[in-house]
Amino acid sequence: MTLTNWWLYAIAVFFISATPGPNMLHVMTRSIAVGPRRAVATMAGCMSAVLLCLLASAAGLGAVLKAYPSVFDVLRYAGAAYLIWLGIKAWHAPVGAAPEVSARRDAALTPRRLYLTGLLTGLSNPKLIVFAAALFPQFIDARASFAPQLAILVVTFVLIETFWYLVYALGGLRLARWLEPVNRQRLFNRLTGGLFVAFGGALIVGRA
């Protein structure tokens, strides 16, 4: 892999990762709910999902999903259902709760639960596998050793993705102060809930 190819790949991933998607939205909402420090568990869950998808793509799962559309459809519908469920849950999330009620609700979000919801959110979009299967070959030199090049691509993706997780988490911290009035909390819940449902709907109607 040439340095020029790596730069092109890094720039492409930088802008792709910056796009608000389910992972970034989930990190931001968790940061608002529990703070950026505790939201690190959510980031770890989302990142685990990204790594699993990238490695699965490298192992050839992307080609399998393309060859067998029915398998892809099952994963796509399951992921869409999960995102829509998240959206409905966000839409109906309570607002203006008493401090002690909010404290109990936030305490229930253990690091394990934060990690698992992040993992499931990240895995809800099987298109990442197909995306990686389409992207990686563009930057890999077939004449050179495959493993080192794959490692560079994956590490680069992870570092850039982590950067954007932190940006969205810190943005959520700033937004949390603005959301103190109940009417703004309700508006935010409706907006994020609607976006998750929209992401789920896009998975259902979209085509790989």
Protein backbone atom coordinates (compact mmCIF):
# COMPACT_ATOMS: atom_id res chain seq x y z
CA MET A 1 0.00 0.00 0.00
CA THR A 2 1.42 3.36 -1.01
CA LEU A 3 1.28 6.42 1.22
CA THR A 4 -0.96 8.12 -1.36
CA ASN A 5 -3.44 5.25 -1.21
CA TRP A 6 -3.45 5.38 2.56
CA TRP A 7 -4.16 9.12 2.58
CA LEU A 8 -7.03 8.67 0.13
CA TYR A 9 -8.45 5.89 2.31
CA ALA A 10 -8.06 7.95 5.52
CA ILE A 11 -9.80 10.97 3.96
CA ALA A 12 -12.66 8.82 2.67
CA VAL A 13 -13.16 7.13 6.05
CA PHE A 14 -12.92 10.48 7.87
CA PHE A 15 -15.88 11.90 5.98
CA ILE A 16 -17.84 8.64 5.97
CA SER A 17 -17.47 8.28 9.75
CA ALA A 18 -18.48 11.91 10.32
CA THR A 19 -21.88 11.25 8.78
CA PRO A 20 -24.56 11.05 11.51
CA GLY A 21 -25.69 7.43 11.62
CA PRO A 22 -27.10 5.06 14.24
CA ASN A 23 -23.75 4.61 16.01
CA MET A 24 -23.00 8.33 16.31
CA LEU A 25 -26.56 9.15 17.33
CA HIS A 26 -26.52 6.39 19.95
CA VAL A 27 -23.20 7.60 21.39
CA MET A 28 -24.52 11.17 21.58
CA THR A 29 -27.80 10.21 23.28
CA ARG A 30 -26.00 8.02 25.82
CA SER A 31 -23.56 10.85 26.53
CA ILE A 32 -26.50 13.14 27.23
CA ALA A 33 -28.09 10.53 29.53
CA VAL A 34 -25.08 9.36 31.54
CA GLY A 35 -22.20 11.69 30.62
CA PRO A 36 -19.23 11.15 28.28
CA ARG A 37 -17.20 9.18 30.83
CA ARG A 38 -19.81 6.46 31.31
CA ALA A 39 -20.68 6.60 27.61
CA VAL A 40 -17.21 5.15 26.92
CA ALA A 41 -18.82 1.72 27.46
CA THR A 42 -21.29 2.55 24.68
CA MET A 43 -18.43 3.64 22.43
CA ALA A 44 -16.65 0.36 23.17
CA GLY A 45 -19.77 -1.59 22.19
CA CYS A 46 -20.20 0.31 18.93
CA MET A 47 -16.50 -0.09 18.16
CA SER A 48 -16.64 -3.83 18.85
CA ALA A 49 -19.43 -4.07 16.31
CA VAL A 50 -17.38 -2.11 13.76
CA LEU A 51 -14.38 -4.38 14.30
CA LEU A 52 -16.49 -7.53 13.97
CA CYS A 53 -18.01 -6.24 10.72
CA LEU A 54 -14.63 -5.23 9.29
CA LEU A 55 -13.05 -8.57 10.15
CA ALA A 56 -16.09 -10.48 8.89
CA SER A 57 -15.83 -8.57 5.64
CA ALA A 58 -12.14 -9.41 5.36
CA ALA A 59 -13.00 -13.06 5.98
CA GLY A 60 -15.33 -13.02 3.00
CA LEU A 61 -18.73 -12.63 4.64
CA GLY A 62 -19.43 -9.61 2.46
CA ALA A 63 -19.18 -11.78 -0.64
CA VAL A 64 -21.45 -14.40 0.98
CA LEU A 65 -24.10 -11.79 1.77
CA LYS A 66 -23.99 -10.56 -1.80
CA ALA A 67 -24.23 -14.11 -3.15
CA TYR A 68 -27.15 -15.03 -0.89
CA PRO A 69 -29.54 -12.05 -0.69
CA SER A 70 -31.97 -13.93 1.54
CA VAL A 71 -29.36 -14.16 4.32
CA PHE A 72 -28.65 -10.46 3.97
CA ASP A 73 -32.38 -9.70 4.08
CA VAL A 74 -32.80 -11.61 7.35
CA LEU A 75 -29.97 -9.62 8.95
CA ARG A 76 -31.24 -6.38 7.45
CA TYR A 77 -34.79 -6.84 8.75
CA ALA A 78 -33.55 -7.87 12.20
CA GLY A 79 -31.32 -4.80 12.35
CA ALA A 80 -34.13 -2.56 11.14
CA ALA A 81 -36.48 -3.93 13.79
CA TYR A 82 -33.93 -3.20 16.52
CA LEU A 83 -33.39 0.38 15.33
CA ILE A 84 -37.14 0.99 15.11
CA TRP A 85 -37.52 -0.41 18.63
CA LEU A 86 -34.83 2.02 19.83
CA GLY A 87 -36.68 4.84 18.10
CA ILE A 88 -40.01 4.00 19.73
CA LYS A 89 -38.31 3.72 23.10
CA ALA A 90 -36.62 7.12 22.64
CA TRP A 91 -39.89 8.69 21.47
CA HIS A 92 -41.67 7.61 24.68
CA ALA A 93 -38.73 8.29 27.04
CA PRO A 94 -39.88 10.14 30.19
CA VAL A 95 -38.98 13.81 30.57
CA GLY A 96 -38.74 16.10 33.54
CA ALA A 97 -38.39 13.26 36.04
CA ALA A 98 -37.54 14.04 39.65
CA PRO A 99 -33.79 13.95 40.37
CA GLU A 100 -34.04 10.76 42.43
CA VAL A 101 -36.02 9.03 39.66
CA SER A 102 -33.50 10.11 37.04
CA ALA A 103 -30.65 8.92 39.24
CA ARG A 104 -32.22 5.46 39.61
CA ARG A 105 -32.91 5.24 35.87
CA ASP A 106 -29.35 6.21 34.98
CA ALA A 107 -27.92 3.82 37.59
CA ALA A 108 -29.74 0.98 35.84
CA LEU A 109 -27.59 1.67 32.79
CA THR A 110 -24.65 -0.43 33.94
CA PRO A 111 -21.43 -0.52 31.91
CA ARG A 112 -22.42 -3.99 30.68
CA ARG A 113 -25.82 -2.76 29.51
CA LEU A 114 -24.30 0.33 27.89
CA TYR A 115 -21.79 -1.89 26.08
CA LEU A 116 -24.40 -4.39 24.87
CA THR A 117 -26.78 -1.73 23.54
CA GLY A 118 -23.84 -0.13 21.73
CA LEU A 119 -22.84 -3.51 20.30
CA LEU A 120 -26.38 -4.31 19.12
CA THR A 121 -26.77 -0.85 17.61
CA GLY A 122 -23.52 -1.27 15.70
CA LEU A 123 -24.47 -4.76 14.50
CA SER A 124 -27.94 -3.62 13.45
CA ASN A 125 -26.65 -2.45 10.07
CA PRO A 126 -25.20 -5.36 8.05
CA LYS A 127 -24.44 -2.95 5.22
CA LEU A 128 -21.18 -2.11 7.01
CA ILE A 129 -19.91 -5.58 6.06
CA VAL A 130 -20.80 -5.07 2.41
CA PHE A 131 -19.42 -1.53 2.53
CA ALA A 132 -16.07 -2.76 3.85
CA ALA A 133 -16.02 -5.53 1.26
CA ALA A 134 -16.41 -2.89 -1.45
CA LEU A 135 -14.01 -0.36 0.09
CA PHE A 136 -11.03 -2.46 1.15
CA PRO A 137 -10.10 -3.88 -2.27
CA GLN A 138 -9.77 -0.35 -3.65
CA PHE A 139 -6.79 0.31 -1.38
CA ILE A 140 -5.10 -3.08 -1.12
CA ASP A 141 -2.18 -3.99 -3.37
CA ALA A 142 -2.76 -7.57 -4.51
CA ARG A 143 0.98 -8.01 -5.11
CA ALA A 144 1.85 -7.31 -1.46
CA SER A 145 1.14 -9.23 1.74
CA PHE A 146 -2.57 -9.02 2.62
CA ALA A 147 -2.46 -9.16 6.46
CA PRO A 148 -0.30 -6.05 7.09
CA GLN A 149 -2.37 -4.00 4.67
CA LEU A 150 -5.62 -5.15 6.28
CA ALA A 151 -4.23 -4.28 9.73
CA ILE A 152 -3.39 -0.76 8.55
CA LEU A 153 -6.85 -0.26 7.07
CA VAL A 154 -8.64 -1.57 10.16
CA VAL A 155 -6.52 0.41 12.65
CA THR A 156 -6.98 3.57 10.60
CA PHE A 157 -10.75 3.02 10.52
CA VAL A 158 -10.88 2.41 14.28
CA LEU A 159 -8.84 5.52 15.14
CA ILE A 160 -10.94 7.78 12.93
CA GLU A 161 -14.20 6.26 14.15
CA THR A 162 -13.08 6.72 17.77
CA PHE A 163 -12.29 10.38 17.08
CA TRP A 164 -15.82 10.97 15.83
CA TYR A 165 -17.32 9.06 18.78
CA LEU A 166 -15.56 11.50 21.10
CA VAL A 167 -16.72 14.48 19.06
CA TYR A 168 -20.35 13.33 19.23
CA ALA A 169 -20.06 12.43 22.94
CA LEU A 170 -18.68 15.86 23.85
CA GLY A 171 -21.31 17.45 21.64
CA GLY A 172 -23.89 15.54 23.65
CA LEU A 173 -22.42 16.96 26.87
CA ARG A 174 -22.89 20.50 25.58
CA LEU A 175 -26.37 19.66 24.34
CA ALA A 176 -27.35 18.24 27.76
CA ARG A 177 -27.15 21.72 29.28
CA TRP A 178 -29.47 23.09 26.60
CA LEU A 179 -31.94 20.26 27.22
CA GLU A 180 -32.75 21.18 30.82
CA PRO A 181 -36.27 22.55 30.02
CA VAL A 182 -38.87 19.80 29.75
CA ASN A 183 -40.19 20.97 26.38
CA ARG A 184 -36.70 20.71 24.87
CA GLN A 185 -36.24 17.23 26.32
CA ARG A 186 -39.50 16.13 24.72
CA LEU A 187 -38.50 17.67 21.37
CA PHE A 188 -35.11 15.93 21.51
CA ASN A 189 -36.73 12.57 22.33
CA ARG A 190 -39.11 12.95 19.39
CA LEU A 191 -36.26 13.95 17.07
CA THR A 192 -33.88 11.14 18.04
CA GLY A 193 -36.72 8.60 18.11
CA GLY A 194 -37.80 9.67 14.65
CA LEU A 195 -34.22 9.42 13.35
CA PHE A 196 -33.77 5.87 14.68
CA VAL A 197 -37.07 4.85 13.07
CA ALA A 198 -35.92 6.52 9.84
CA PHE A 199 -32.63 4.57 9.94
CA GLY A 200 -34.58 1.36 10.45
CA GLY A 201 -36.96 2.22 7.62
CA ALA A 202 -34.02 2.98 5.34
CA LEU A 203 -32.63 -0.49 6.02
CA ILE A 204 -35.94 -2.06 5.07
CA VAL A 205 -36.41 -0.19 1.80
CA GLY A 206 -32.72 0.09 0.90
CA ARG A 207 -30.83 -2.24 -1.35
CA ALA A 208 -27.26 -3.38 -0.77
